[in-house]
C-alpha atoms as a PDB file:
ATOM      1  CA  MET A   1      23.894   7.215   8.080  1.00  0.00           C
ATOM      2  CA  ASP A   2      21.753   5.769  10.856  1.00  0.00           C
ATOM      3  CA  ILE A   3      22.752   3.031  13.294  1.00  0.00           C
ATOM      4  CA  ILE A   4      21.174   0.225  11.262  1.00  0.00           C
ATOM      5  CA  GLU A   5      22.983   1.302   8.096  1.00  0.00           C
ATOM      6  CA  LYS A   6      26.247   1.344  10.054  1.00  0.00           C
ATOM      7  CA  LEU A   7      25.526  -2.105  11.486  1.00  0.00           C
ATOM      8  CA  GLU A   8      24.789  -3.531   8.045  1.00  0.00           C
ATOM      9  CA  LYS A   9      27.895  -1.921   6.526  1.00  0.00           C
ATOM     10  CA  HIS A  10      30.110  -3.300   9.314  1.00  0.00           C
ATOM     11  CA  ARG A  11      28.470  -6.719   9.050  1.00  0.00           C
ATOM     12  CA  LEU A  12      28.988  -6.944   5.282  1.00  0.00           C
ATOM     13  CA  GLU A  13      32.538  -5.579   5.307  1.00  0.00           C
ATOM     14  CA  ASN A  14      33.542  -8.122   7.949  1.00  0.00           C
ATOM     15  CA  LYS A  15      31.449 -10.975   6.497  1.00  0.00           C
ATOM     16  CA  ILE A  16      29.579 -11.480   9.771  1.00  0.00           C
ATOM     17  CA  PRO A  17      26.345 -13.481   9.428  1.00  0.00           C
ATOM     18  CA  GLN A  18      23.131 -12.068  10.876  1.00  0.00           C
ATOM     19  CA  GLN A  19      22.998 -15.006  13.308  1.00  0.00           C
ATOM     20  CA  GLU A  20      26.347 -13.994  14.815  1.00  0.00           C
ATOM     21  CA  VAL A  21      25.213 -10.376  15.158  1.00  0.00           C
ATOM     22  CA  ALA A  22      22.085 -11.592  16.929  1.00  0.00           C
ATOM     23  CA  ILE A  23      24.077 -13.719  19.373  1.00  0.00           C
ATOM     24  CA  LYS A  24      26.487 -10.881  20.181  1.00  0.00           C
ATOM     25  CA  LEU A  25      23.595  -8.473  20.790  1.00  0.00           C
ATOM     26  CA  GLY A  26      21.533 -10.964  22.775  1.00  0.00           C
ATOM     27  CA  VAL A  27      18.552 -10.894  20.429  1.00  0.00           C
ATOM     28  CA  ALA A  28      16.928 -13.380  18.080  1.00  0.00           C
ATOM     29  CA  PHE A  29      18.071 -13.758  14.479  1.00  0.00           C
ATOM     30  CA  SER A  30      14.592 -12.693  13.377  1.00  0.00           C
ATOM     31  CA  THR A  31      14.984  -9.435  15.310  1.00  0.00           C
ATOM     32  CA  VAL A  32      18.211  -8.541  13.512  1.00  0.00           C
ATOM     33  CA  ASN A  33      16.600  -9.528  10.215  1.00  0.00           C
ATOM     34  CA  ARG A  34      13.627  -7.233  10.860  1.00  0.00           C
ATOM     35  CA  TRP A  35      15.972  -4.351  11.724  1.00  0.00           C
ATOM     36  CA  LEU A  36      18.000  -4.800   8.552  1.00  0.00           C
ATOM     37  CA  ASN A  37      14.850  -5.092   6.425  1.00  0.00           C
ATOM     38  CA  ARG A  38      13.366  -1.990   8.093  1.00  0.00           C
ATOM     39  CA  LYS A  39      10.366  -3.904   9.439  1.00  0.00           C
ATOM     40  CA  SER A  40      11.120  -2.747  12.995  1.00  0.00           C
ATOM     41  CA  LYS A  41      13.552  -0.557  14.907  1.00  0.00           C
ATOM     42  CA  PRO A  42      15.801  -1.421  17.845  1.00  0.00           C
ATOM     43  CA  THR A  43      14.747  -0.175  21.268  1.00  0.00           C
ATOM     44  CA  ARG A  44      16.659   2.726  22.775  1.00  0.00           C
ATOM     45  CA  PHE A  45      18.505   0.273  25.000  1.00  0.00           C
ATOM     46  CA  LYS A  46      19.671  -1.769  22.002  1.00  0.00           C
ATOM     47  CA  VAL A  47      20.675   1.405  20.150  1.00  0.00           C
ATOM     48  CA  ILE A  48      22.917   2.279  23.087  1.00  0.00           C
ATOM     49  CA  THR A  49      24.310  -1.264  23.000  1.00  0.00           C
ATOM     50  CA  LEU A  50      24.952  -0.968  19.261  1.00  0.00           C
ATOM     51  CA  LYS A  51      26.789   2.327  19.694  1.00  0.00           C
ATOM     52  CA  SER A  52      29.165   0.990  22.332  1.00  0.00           C
END
C-alpha cells in the first residue's frame, strides 16, 4: 500500500473531507484531489510530511 492509498484509507475511515486534508497539509484542495485521483504525485517533501 503506497502513501496515497494510506491517506485515502485514513481519510475515509475518519470521515475527513479532502478540503480538511488539504488545509492540514498546506496544499490546495485541487492538489489533494489530483493525488487521490492519481493525476499527480506528491513531492518528496510532502511525502515526508504525510509520513510524519
